[in-house]
Protein backbone atom coordinates (compact mmCIF):
# COMPACT_ATOMS: atom_id res chain seq x y z
CA UNK A 1 0.00 0.00 0.00
CA UNK A 2 1.34 3.42 -0.89
CA UNK A 3 2.20 6.06 1.67
CA UNK A 4 0.00 9.16 1.91
CA UNK A 5 2.32 11.96 0.81
CA UNK A 6 -0.20 14.71 1.52
CA UNK A 7 -0.11 13.75 5.21
CA UNK A 8 3.69 13.63 5.08
CA UNK A 9 3.78 17.20 3.73
CA UNK A 10 1.37 18.40 6.40
CA UNK A 11 3.39 16.68 9.15
CA UNK A 12 6.67 18.18 7.91
CA UNK A 13 5.14 21.65 7.64
CA UNK A 14 3.59 21.54 11.11
CA UNK A 15 6.67 20.16 12.84
CA UNK A 16 8.95 22.69 11.11
CA UNK A 17 6.80 25.61 12.20
CA UNK A 18 5.90 26.62 8.61
CA UNK A 19 2.27 25.56 8.84
CA UNK A 20 -0.02 25.82 11.82
CA UNK A 21 -2.65 23.19 12.50
CA UNK A 22 -5.77 24.01 10.49
CA UNK A 23 -3.87 26.06 7.88
CA UNK A 24 -4.14 25.13 4.21
CA UNK A 25 -1.29 24.15 1.89
CA UNK A 26 -0.72 27.00 -0.60
CA UNK A 27 2.05 25.43 -2.69
CA UNK A 28 1.11 24.33 -6.23
CA UNK A 29 -0.70 21.03 -6.61
CA UNK A 30 1.87 18.47 -7.75
CA UNK A 31 1.48 14.90 -8.99
CA UNK A 32 3.98 12.56 -10.59
CA UNK A 33 3.09 10.14 -13.40
CA UNK A 34 5.35 7.13 -14.00
CA UNK A 35 4.70 5.69 -17.44
CA UNK A 36 5.67 2.49 -19.25
CA UNK A 37 4.51 0.99 -22.54
CA UNK A 38 4.83 -2.05 -24.83
CA UNK A 39 6.22 -4.33 -22.13
CA UNK A 40 5.53 -7.38 -24.33
CA UNK A 41 6.04 -9.95 -21.59
CA UNK A 42 9.64 -9.02 -20.77
CA UNK A 43 9.60 -10.29 -17.19
CA UNK A 44 13.35 -10.93 -17.34
CA UNK A 45 16.02 -8.27 -17.81
CA UNK A 46 17.54 -7.90 -21.28
CA UNK A 47 20.98 -6.65 -22.25
CA UNK A 48 21.36 -4.24 -25.16
CA UNK A 49 24.28 -2.80 -27.11
CA UNK A 50 23.33 0.68 -25.92
CA UNK A 51 23.31 -0.45 -22.27
CA UNK A 52 26.97 -1.53 -22.42
CA UNK A 53 25.81 -5.09 -21.75
CA UNK A 54 24.16 -4.08 -18.47
CA UNK A 55 20.81 -5.88 -17.89
CA UNK A 56 17.82 -3.59 -18.23
CA UNK A 57 14.23 -3.93 -17.06
CA UNK A 58 12.54 -7.13 -16.07
CA UNK A 59 9.95 -7.34 -13.32
CA UNK A 60 12.38 -6.62 -10.48
CA UNK A 61 14.13 -3.82 -12.33
CA UNK A 62 10.87 -2.04 -13.04
CA UNK A 63 9.52 -2.50 -9.51
CA UNK A 64 12.65 -1.09 -7.93
CA UNK A 65 12.78 1.89 -10.31
CA UNK A 66 9.09 2.78 -9.91
CA UNK A 67 9.31 2.64 -6.12
CA UNK A 68 12.48 4.77 -6.07
CA UNK A 69 10.97 7.41 -8.35
CA UNK A 70 7.83 7.62 -6.21
CA UNK A 71 9.81 7.81 -2.95
CA UNK A 72 12.13 10.48 -4.32
CA UNK A 73 9.21 12.72 -5.26
CA UNK A 74 7.34 12.50 -1.95
CA UNK A 75 4.27 13.45 -3.94
CA UNK A 76 1.05 11.85 -5.11
CA UNK A 77 2.04 9.38 -7.82
CA UNK A 78 0.17 7.50 -10.53
CA UNK A 79 1.47 4.57 -12.54
CA UNK A 80 0.17 4.27 -16.09
CA UNK A 81 0.95 1.94 -18.99
CA UNK A 82 0.52 2.54 -22.73
CA UNK A 83 -0.57 -0.98 -23.66
CA UNK A 84 0.74 -4.18 -25.31
CA UNK A 85 1.66 -5.72 -21.99
CA UNK A 86 1.52 -9.47 -22.53
CA UNK A 87 2.50 -10.77 -25.98
CA UNK A 88 6.09 -11.58 -26.73
CA UNK A 89 8.03 -13.97 -24.45
CA UNK A 90 7.87 -17.61 -23.55
CA UNK A 91 7.31 -16.93 -19.86
CA UNK A 92 4.26 -14.79 -20.68
CA UNK A 93 2.83 -16.60 -23.68
CA UNK A 94 2.77 -20.07 -22.16
CA UNK A 95 -0.20 -18.92 -20.08
CA UNK A 96 -1.38 -16.10 -22.36
CA UNK A 97 -0.18 -13.23 -20.22
CA UNK A 98 -1.13 -14.41 -16.70
CA UNK A 99 2.25 -13.62 -15.06
CA UNK A 100 2.42 -10.16 -16.66
CA UNK A 101 -0.90 -9.19 -15.12
CA UNK A 102 0.33 -10.54 -11.78
CA UNK A 103 3.44 -8.38 -12.11
CA UNK A 104 1.55 -5.18 -12.96
CA UNK A 105 -0.83 -5.85 -10.06
CA UNK A 106 2.17 -6.10 -7.75
CA UNK A 107 3.65 -2.94 -9.27
CA UNK A 108 0.39 -1.20 -8.29
CA UNK A 109 -0.39 -0.04 -11.81
CA UNK A 110 -3.35 2.35 -11.91
CA UNK A 111 -4.42 2.08 -15.55
CA UNK A 112 -3.36 0.81 -18.96
CA UNK A 113 -4.43 1.30 -22.55
CA UNK A 114 -5.72 -1.72 -24.44
CA UNK A 115 -2.98 -2.38 -26.99
CA UNK A 116 -3.61 -4.02 -30.33
CA UNK A 117 -1.68 -7.10 -29.20
CA UNK A 118 -3.93 -7.45 -26.17
CA UNK A 119 -6.34 -8.99 -28.69
CA UNK A 120 -3.87 -11.57 -30.06
CA UNK A 121 -5.49 -14.43 -28.15
CA UNK A 122 -9.03 -13.23 -28.76
CA UNK A 123 -11.57 -11.23 -26.79
CA UNK A 124 -12.34 -14.04 -24.32
CA UNK A 125 -8.70 -14.22 -23.22
CA UNK A 126 -8.51 -10.45 -22.89
CA UNK A 127 -11.63 -10.48 -20.71
CA UNK A 128 -10.08 -13.21 -18.54
CA UNK A 129 -6.90 -11.15 -18.03
CA UNK A 130 -8.95 -8.03 -17.32
CA UNK A 131 -10.89 -9.90 -14.64
CA UNK A 132 -7.56 -10.75 -12.96
CA UNK A 133 -6.19 -7.20 -13.18
CA UNK A 134 -6.47 -4.81 -10.24
CA UNK A 135 -5.93 -1.88 -12.61
CA UNK A 136 -8.23 -0.42 -15.26
CA UNK A 137 -7.70 -1.48 -18.88
CA UNK A 138 -9.01 1.37 -21.05
CA UNK A 139 -10.10 2.01 -24.67
CA UNK A 140 -12.59 4.85 -25.13
CA UNK A 141 -12.50 4.94 -28.94
CA UNK A 142 -13.69 1.36 -29.63
CA UNK A 143 -17.36 0.76 -30.46
CA UNK A 144 -19.53 -2.15 -31.48
CA UNK A 145 -20.63 -2.07 -35.10
CA UNK A 146 -24.05 -3.53 -34.37
CA UNK A 147 -25.37 -1.02 -31.85
CA UNK A 148 -22.70 1.67 -31.43
CA UNK A 149 -22.05 0.83 -27.77
CA UNK A 150 -18.63 0.18 -26.32
CA UNK A 151 -17.69 -3.52 -25.89
CA UNK A 152 -17.28 -4.78 -22.36
CA UNK A 153 -13.51 -5.09 -22.80
CA UNK A 154 -13.19 -1.41 -23.77
CA UNK A 155 -13.82 0.56 -20.59
CA UNK A 156 -13.57 4.22 -21.63
CA UNK A 157 -12.06 5.84 -18.53
CA UNK A 158 -11.39 5.65 -14.85
CA UNK A 159 -11.44 8.29 -12.11
CA UNK A 160 -8.85 7.89 -9.36
CA UNK A 161 -8.92 10.04 -6.23
CA UNK A 162 -5.78 9.82 -4.13
CA UNK A 163 -5.08 11.95 -1.08
CA UNK A 164 -7.70 14.44 -2.16
CA UNK A 165 -6.42 14.78 -5.73
CA UNK A 166 -8.71 13.57 -8.50
CA UNK A 167 -7.30 12.36 -11.82
CA UNK A 168 -9.26 11.18 -14.84
CA UNK A 169 -7.56 8.65 -17.13
CA UNK A 170 -8.96 7.94 -20.61
CA UNK A 171 -7.88 5.08 -22.87
CA UNK A 172 -7.25 5.16 -26.60
CA UNK A 173 -6.40 2.23 -28.91
CA UNK A 174 -4.74 2.74 -32.29
CA UNK A 175 -7.08 2.77 -35.26
CA UNK A 176 -4.58 0.51 -37.06
CA UNK A 177 -5.63 -2.40 -34.81
CA UNK A 178 -7.76 -4.07 -37.54
CA UNK A 179 -4.68 -4.13 -39.80
CA UNK A 180 -2.61 -5.93 -37.17
CA UNK A 181 -5.21 -8.47 -36.05
CA UNK A 182 -7.06 -11.31 -37.67
CA UNK A 183 -10.25 -9.92 -39.22
CA UNK A 184 -12.50 -12.27 -37.27
CA UNK A 185 -11.26 -10.65 -34.04
CA UNK A 186 -11.78 -7.02 -35.00
CA UNK A 187 -14.58 -7.15 -37.58
CA UNK A 188 -17.33 -6.60 -34.97
CA UNK A 189 -15.77 -3.30 -33.85
CA UNK A 190 -15.09 0.22 -35.06
CA UNK A 191 -11.91 1.98 -33.95
CA UNK A 192 -12.71 5.69 -34.17
CA UNK A 193 -9.98 8.22 -34.75
CA UNK A 194 -8.88 11.21 -32.70
CA UNK A 195 -10.97 13.44 -30.47
CA UNK A 196 -14.25 12.27 -31.96
CA UNK A 197 -13.48 8.75 -30.79
CA UNK A 198 -13.09 9.79 -27.14
CA UNK A 199 -15.28 12.91 -27.00
CA UNK A 200 -18.07 11.41 -24.88
CA UNK A 201 -15.53 9.91 -22.47
CA UNK A 202 -13.73 13.23 -22.10
CA UNK A 203 -17.04 15.01 -21.46
CA UNK A 204 -17.94 12.45 -18.80
CA UNK A 205 -14.54 12.80 -17.11
CA UNK A 206 -14.77 16.58 -16.91
CA UNK A 207 -18.17 16.33 -15.25
CA UNK A 208 -16.27 14.71 -12.35
CA UNK A 209 -14.24 17.95 -11.92
CA UNK A 210 -10.77 16.32 -11.99
CA UNK A 211 -7.57 18.14 -11.11
CA UNK A 212 -5.80 16.55 -14.08
CA UNK A 213 -6.85 14.53 -17.14
CA UNK A 214 -4.49 12.01 -18.73
CA UNK A 215 -4.91 9.98 -21.91
CA UNK A 216 -3.13 6.64 -22.10
CA UNK A 217 -2.96 6.00 -25.83
CA UNK A 218 -1.68 2.88 -27.50
CA UNK A 219 -0.88 4.88 -30.60
CA UNK A 220 2.25 6.30 -32.17
CA UNK A 221 3.16 9.92 -32.87
CA UNK A 222 5.88 12.38 -31.97
CA UNK A 223 7.76 15.54 -32.88
CA UNK A 224 11.09 15.27 -34.65
CA UNK A 225 13.24 18.27 -35.45
CA UNK A 226 13.83 17.29 -39.04
CA UNK A 227 10.25 16.30 -39.94
CA UNK A 228 8.05 18.20 -37.51
CA UNK A 229 5.19 16.56 -35.62
CA UNK A 230 3.23 13.65 -37.08
CA UNK A 231 1.32 10.54 -36.10
CA UNK A 232 -1.92 9.42 -34.52
CA UNK A 233 -1.22 10.90 -31.08
CA UNK A 234 -0.21 14.22 -32.62
CA UNK A 235 -3.49 14.33 -34.53
CA UNK A 236 -5.38 13.55 -31.33
CA UNK A 237 -3.53 16.24 -29.34
CA UNK A 238 -4.19 18.86 -32.02
CA UNK A 239 -7.92 18.12 -31.98
CA UNK A 240 -8.44 18.25 -28.21
CA UNK A 241 -10.17 21.30 -26.71
CA UNK A 242 -7.62 23.66 -25.18
CA UNK A 243 -6.81 22.79 -21.57
CA UNK A 244 -8.89 19.61 -21.55
CA UNK A 245 -5.96 17.17 -21.23
CA UNK A 246 -2.67 17.62 -19.38
CA UNK A 247 -0.71 14.53 -20.52
CA UNK A 248 -0.70 11.80 -23.16
CA UNK A 249 1.09 8.55 -22.27
CA UNK A 250 1.94 6.85 -25.55
CA UNK A 251 2.66 3.42 -26.91
CA UNK A 252 2.62 1.24 -30.05
CA UNK A 253 5.88 2.66 -31.41
CA UNK A 254 8.68 1.09 -29.39
CA UNK A 255 11.18 3.93 -29.26
CA UNK A 256 11.59 6.82 -26.83
CA UNK A 257 9.90 10.17 -27.39
CA UNK A 258 9.43 13.30 -25.34
CA UNK A 259 7.29 15.69 -27.38
CA UNK A 260 4.93 18.59 -26.75
CA UNK A 261 1.89 19.26 -28.96
CA UNK A 262 -0.56 22.08 -28.23
CA UNK A 263 1.05 22.40 -24.81
CA UNK A 264 0.40 18.70 -24.02
CA UNK A 265 3.43 16.52 -23.22
CA UNK A 266 3.51 13.20 -25.10
CA UNK A 267 5.84 10.58 -23.63
CA UNK A 268 7.14 7.11 -24.49
CA UNK A 269 9.91 5.64 -22.38
CA UNK A 270 11.01 2.78 -24.66
CA UNK A 271 9.49 -0.67 -25.07
CA UNK A 272 10.22 -3.95 -23.25
CA UNK A 273 10.80 -2.24 -19.89
CA UNK A 274 13.78 -0.27 -21.22
CA UNK A 275 12.64 2.95 -19.58
CA UNK A 276 10.23 4.74 -17.27
CA UNK A 277 8.88 8.13 -18.31
CA UNK A 278 8.67 10.57 -15.41
CA UNK A 279 6.18 13.42 -15.72
CA UNK A 280 5.67 15.96 -12.94
CA UNK A 281 2.43 17.91 -13.37
CA UNK A 282 1.74 21.11 -11.43
CA UNK A 283 -1.45 23.13 -11.08
CA UNK A 284 -0.86 26.55 -9.55
CA UNK A 285 -3.21 28.44 -7.26
CA UNK A 286 -4.35 30.49 -10.28
CA UNK A 287 -5.15 27.23 -12.12
CA UNK A 288 -2.23 27.25 -14.58
CA UNK A 289 -0.73 23.86 -15.47
CA UNK A 290 2.99 23.26 -16.00
CA UNK A 291 5.11 20.15 -16.27
CA UNK A 292 8.58 18.62 -16.22
CA UNK A 293 9.48 15.41 -18.05
CA UNK A 294 12.41 13.03 -17.91
CA UNK A 295 13.25 9.42 -18.70
CA UNK A 296 14.94 6.85 -16.45
CA UNK A 297 16.54 3.51 -17.33
CA UNK A 298 15.73 0.69 -14.86
CA UNK A 299 19.08 -1.09 -14.77
CA UNK A 300 18.46 -4.50 -13.26
CA UNK A 301 21.95 -4.87 -11.77
CA UNK A 302 21.21 -2.10 -9.28
CA UNK A 303 17.65 -3.18 -8.48
CA UNK A 304 16.75 -4.30 -4.97
CA UNK A 305 15.89 -8.01 -4.67
CA UNK A 306 12.19 -8.67 -4.20
CA UNK A 307 11.52 -12.20 -2.91
CA UNK A 308 7.75 -11.62 -2.95
CA UNK A 309 7.79 -10.74 -6.65
CA UNK A 310 10.15 -13.63 -7.41
CA UNK A 311 7.79 -16.07 -5.70
CA UNK A 312 4.81 -14.58 -7.54
CA UNK A 313 6.43 -15.30 -10.92
CA UNK A 314 8.39 -18.45 -10.02
CA UNK A 315 6.14 -21.05 -11.65
CA UNK A 316 5.99 -19.14 -14.95
CA UNK A 317 9.76 -18.68 -14.99
CA UNK A 318 10.40 -22.33 -14.22
CA UNK A 319 8.07 -23.52 -16.94
CA UNK A 320 9.65 -21.15 -19.46
CA UNK A 321 13.14 -22.31 -18.48
CA UNK A 322 12.16 -25.94 -18.96
CA UNK A 323 10.91 -25.28 -22.48
CA UNK A 324 13.25 -22.51 -23.54
CA UNK A 325 16.74 -23.37 -22.31
CA UNK A 326 17.58 -25.62 -25.28
CA UNK A 327 20.47 -24.24 -27.30
CA UNK A 328 19.65 -23.75 -30.99
CA UNK A 329 22.74 -22.15 -32.53
CA UNK A 330 25.57 -19.69 -32.03
CA UNK A 331 25.35 -16.36 -33.83
CA UNK A 332 28.46 -14.38 -34.72
CA UNK A 333 26.82 -11.02 -35.45
CA UNK A 334 24.12 -8.77 -34.01
CA UNK A 335 21.01 -9.45 -36.11
CA UNK A 336 18.67 -6.48 -35.87
CA UNK A 337 14.88 -6.54 -35.91
CA UNK A 338 14.74 -2.96 -37.19
CA UNK A 339 13.00 -2.59 -40.51
CA UNK A 340 15.54 -0.02 -41.69
CA UNK A 341 18.56 -1.94 -40.37
CA UNK A 342 20.64 -4.41 -42.36
CA UNK A 343 17.54 -6.66 -42.52
CA UNK A 344 19.41 -9.96 -42.24
CA UNK A 345 17.16 -11.31 -39.50
CA UNK A 346 13.96 -10.70 -41.45
CA UNK A 347 15.40 -12.35 -44.55
CA UNK A 348 16.50 -15.31 -42.45
CA UNK A 349 12.89 -15.80 -41.32
CA UNK A 350 11.57 -15.45 -44.89
CA UNK A 351 14.12 -18.05 -46.04
CA UNK A 352 13.09 -20.37 -43.20
CA UNK A 353 9.43 -20.03 -44.15
CA UNK A 354 10.25 -20.75 -47.78
CA UNK A 355 12.32 -23.81 -46.83
CA UNK A 356 9.59 -25.22 -44.58
CA UNK A 357 6.99 -24.77 -47.30
CA UNK A 358 9.32 -26.08 -50.03
CA UNK A 359 8.23 -23.23 -52.29
CA UNK A 360 9.64 -20.87 -54.90
CA UNK A 361 9.10 -17.76 -52.78
CA UNK A 362 8.89 -16.91 -49.07
CA UNK A 363 7.19 -13.90 -47.44
CA UNK A 364 7.58 -12.62 -43.87
CA UNK A 365 5.83 -9.48 -42.65
CA UNK A 366 8.10 -6.93 -40.99
CA UNK A 367 5.77 -6.61 -38.00
CA UNK A 368 6.37 -10.27 -37.18
CA UNK A 369 10.09 -9.73 -36.46
CA UNK A 370 9.90 -8.72 -32.82
CA UNK A 371 13.35 -8.76 -31.22
CA UNK A 372 17.06 -8.73 -32.05
CA UNK A 373 19.40 -11.70 -31.92
CA UNK A 374 22.59 -10.80 -30.08
CA UNK A 375 25.96 -12.49 -30.72
CA UNK A 376 26.51 -15.67 -28.76
CA UNK A 377 24.51 -18.77 -27.93
CA UNK A 378 20.88 -18.58 -29.08
CA UNK A 379 18.32 -20.58 -27.11
CA UNK A 380 14.79 -21.59 -28.02
CA UNK A 381 13.58 -18.82 -25.72
CA UNK A 382 15.65 -16.27 -27.68
CA UNK A 383 14.11 -17.38 -30.97
CA UNK A 384 10.67 -17.23 -29.37
CA UNK A 385 11.18 -13.53 -28.57
CA UNK A 386 11.92 -12.92 -32.25
CA UNK A 387 8.79 -14.65 -33.55
CA UNK A 388 6.34 -15.26 -30.68
CA UNK A 389 2.97 -15.31 -32.39
CA UNK A 390 2.53 -19.04 -33.03
CA UNK A 391 1.77 -18.45 -36.72
CA UNK A 392 1.63 -21.48 -38.99
CA UNK A 393 3.40 -21.65 -42.37
CA UNK A 394 0.93 -21.78 -45.26
CA UNK A 395 1.60 -22.91 -48.85
CA UNK A 396 -0.09 -21.19 -51.78
CA UNK A 397 -0.13 -21.70 -55.57
CA UNK A 398 0.24 -18.36 -57.37
CA UNK A 399 0.75 -17.00 -60.85
CA UNK A 400 3.44 -14.50 -61.76
CA UNK A 401 0.78 -11.82 -62.13
CA UNK A 402 -0.46 -12.57 -58.60
CA UNK A 403 3.12 -12.39 -57.26
CA UNK A 404 3.37 -8.83 -58.56
CA UNK A 405 0.00 -7.98 -56.96
CA UNK A 406 1.20 -9.47 -53.66
CA UNK A 407 4.37 -7.37 -53.78
CA UNK A 408 2.31 -4.26 -54.52
CA UNK A 409 -0.03 -4.96 -51.59
CA UNK A 410 2.75 -5.80 -49.12
CA UNK A 411 4.60 -3.14 -47.15
CA UNK A 412 7.87 -2.07 -48.73
CA UNK A 413 9.72 -3.19 -45.61
CA UNK A 414 8.31 -6.75 -45.66
CA UNK A 415 10.77 -9.55 -46.41
CA UNK A 416 10.67 -11.72 -49.53
CA UNK A 417 12.84 -14.78 -50.03
CA UNK A 418 14.10 -15.47 -53.59
CA UNK A 419 12.67 -12.25 -55.01
CA UNK A 420 14.47 -9.06 -56.01
CA UNK A 421 12.21 -6.03 -56.03
CA UNK A 422 12.94 -2.54 -57.33
CA UNK A 423 10.72 0.25 -56.03
CA UNK A 424 10.25 3.71 -57.50
CA UNK A 425 7.92 6.65 -57.06
CA UNK A 426 5.33 8.10 -59.40
CA UNK A 427 4.66 11.79 -60.07
CA UNK A 428 2.69 12.03 -56.81
CA UNK A 429 5.60 10.49 -54.81
CA UNK A 430 3.59 7.32 -54.30
CA UNK A 431 5.67 4.14 -54.00
CA UNK A 432 5.37 1.87 -57.02
CA UNK A 433 6.87 -1.51 -57.94
CA UNK A 434 9.15 -1.09 -60.94
CA UNK A 435 10.35 -4.68 -61.33
CA UNK A 436 10.13 -8.14 -59.76
CA UNK A 437 12.60 -10.90 -60.59
CA UNK A 438 13.87 -14.04 -58.94
CA UNK A 439 17.13 -13.72 -57.04
CA UNK A 440 19.09 -15.41 -59.85
CA UNK A 441 17.89 -12.72 -62.25
CA UNK A 442 15.34 -14.87 -64.08
CA UNK A 443 12.00 -13.18 -64.84
CA UNK A 444 8.74 -13.73 -62.99
CA UNK A 445 6.40 -14.47 -65.90
CA UNK A 446 2.84 -13.21 -65.61
CA UNK A 447 1.42 -16.51 -66.85
CA UNK A 448 3.92 -18.64 -64.95
CA UNK A 449 2.85 -20.91 -62.10
CA UNK A 450 4.76 -20.74 -58.82
CA UNK A 451 4.46 -21.53 -55.11
CA UNK A 452 4.58 -19.13 -52.15
CA UNK A 453 5.02 -19.79 -48.43
CA UNK A 454 3.99 -17.31 -45.76
CA UNK A 455 2.25 -17.27 -42.37
CA UNK A 456 -1.43 -17.80 -41.62
CA UNK A 457 -1.80 -14.28 -40.21
CA UNK A 458 -1.16 -12.80 -43.66
CA UNK A 459 -3.24 -15.50 -45.37
CA UNK A 460 -6.16 -14.52 -43.10
CA UNK A 461 -5.89 -10.96 -44.46
CA UNK A 462 -3.69 -9.50 -41.75
CA UNK A 463 -1.71 -6.34 -42.60
CA UNK A 464 -4.31 -5.67 -45.28
CA UNK A 465 -3.15 -8.60 -47.46
CA UNK A 466 -6.60 -9.25 -48.89
CA UNK A 467 -5.18 -10.86 -52.03
CA UNK A 468 -3.78 -13.75 -49.97
CA UNK A 469 -7.10 -14.20 -48.22
CA UNK A 470 -8.72 -14.93 -51.56
CA UNK A 471 -6.14 -17.49 -52.77
CA UNK A 472 -6.34 -21.24 -52.08
CA UNK A 473 -3.88 -22.24 -49.36
CA UNK A 474 -2.72 -25.32 -47.47
CA UNK A 475 -1.40 -25.42 -43.92
CA UNK A 476 1.98 -27.13 -43.54
CA UNK A 477 1.50 -27.82 -39.83
CA UNK A 478 4.85 -26.12 -39.13
CA UNK A 479 5.00 -22.92 -37.10
CA UNK A 480 7.19 -20.01 -38.18
CA UNK A 481 9.02 -20.41 -34.87
CA UNK A 482 9.88 -24.05 -35.56
CA UNK A 483 10.86 -23.21 -39.14
CA UNK A 484 13.34 -20.61 -37.87
CA UNK A 485 14.71 -23.00 -35.23
CA UNK A 486 15.27 -25.64 -37.92
CA UNK A 487 16.95 -23.11 -40.23
CA UNK A 488 19.30 -21.86 -37.52
CA UNK A 489 20.17 -25.40 -36.44
CA UNK A 490 21.12 -26.33 -40.01
CA UNK A 491 23.46 -23.37 -40.64
CA UNK A 492 27.21 -23.66 -39.96
CA UNK A 493 28.06 -22.30 -36.52
CA UNK A 494 28.87 -19.60 -35.60
CA UNK A 495 26.30 -18.17 -37.98
CA UNK A 496 27.42 -15.12 -39.97
CA UNK A 497 24.88 -13.96 -42.52
CA UNK A 498 25.68 -11.72 -45.49
CA UNK A 499 23.92 -8.38 -45.76
CA UNK A 500 21.22 -8.72 -48.37
CA UNK A 501 19.02 -5.79 -49.25
CA UNK A 502 16.37 -5.73 -51.93
CA UNK A 503 17.47 -3.66 -54.89
CA UNK A 504 15.83 -0.29 -54.75
CA UNK A 505 14.43 -0.97 -51.28
CA UNK A 506 13.15 2.22 -49.66
């Protein structure tokens, strides 16, 4: 249970002679918001190149950092998450997110946005996890298509009153969710954009006369010096009535941002527990709001041990260790998951999918490459973090004309195996496909007959790949994960992959 900092301030003031009993506190109202996002099941610390090999995050690292930041402030503190909590690691996925909810309960989270990946295991699983959570899971901009009401899993807002300070927290889920989920999951719902999507929730919150209003938005957007401000959260911030919201906690994009739009701070601390955003909000006696923002890295090697938390997660960790400790291969180089990196990891997955399907072409969506592979021994658990979704490899018969249509419908940063693609732009700067050939230079003939392997998520129409949804397909019974494990195991160790970039790739 958290300490009452208002009573601490009163006690200090009275005992120091600065405040007589019965006097009121005239200093500005001050709260601290500690924000995380896109945790993706990372209950264990992870080392990164940027961290100089120091372990970062994990359940204990986050708990220690959050508690330290709250104690240091000696102020009323709220803990908020920007969504995508569960999907992504063996220790979380084996029980569809159960230990992650346990962790956030123990961390005394106040509220979280519903991320698009919260729906990966279907609405029933999300409802089960929500029933276990002691915090509010919020999504004000999601509505049922049949009657226009909000679904039961999309609570619009919560009001939290702590030590006499009232804060309204409103949830927002990215409108791109239908493009990142299987259609059967999202078809019954409408994801409304911007202020219009949350307007009724914001009106209802302000009727409660809160001291501060915060939006936790699982949506990307930021300000960059070279390109200005852009993205879904920026659009939302620009549409909000002046003074109606004091903070937007972001998510969906995995990198750090600290932006200000229309006077509203927008923060992301970094995914996977890499950071905690610290926002101090002040309301002066003349009702003016100001803020300070910073970002802290929760290094796990300086975190205080927490036997209670360890015991809470022990069974999930043990089960994951039993399944995931098997060594798969040794990798010589850092293989990046970034779409604009050297792309070797994504091509490796596309090649593995092609091999497992025994086809002419392989296709892997960029969004399905979730984590880096670092040099050294790679375990089954490491490969799982790279491709955690449980997708099955599908085999399709396609014509050359259909291959070109598939390339045109895919994202330019998706990965194709055994295809060279040259992209250009038309007079309106729209990306176009200039040429498609096989990797040996031979042409893809429009009337030729070929085979394609990809995952069932894309075949179901995910990422907007409607052309695949309409083509006959056969399941191989092999998961993408197992295909990658097999591919890695077959390569000479230590594995060193050549850089291979599609010609003309943007």
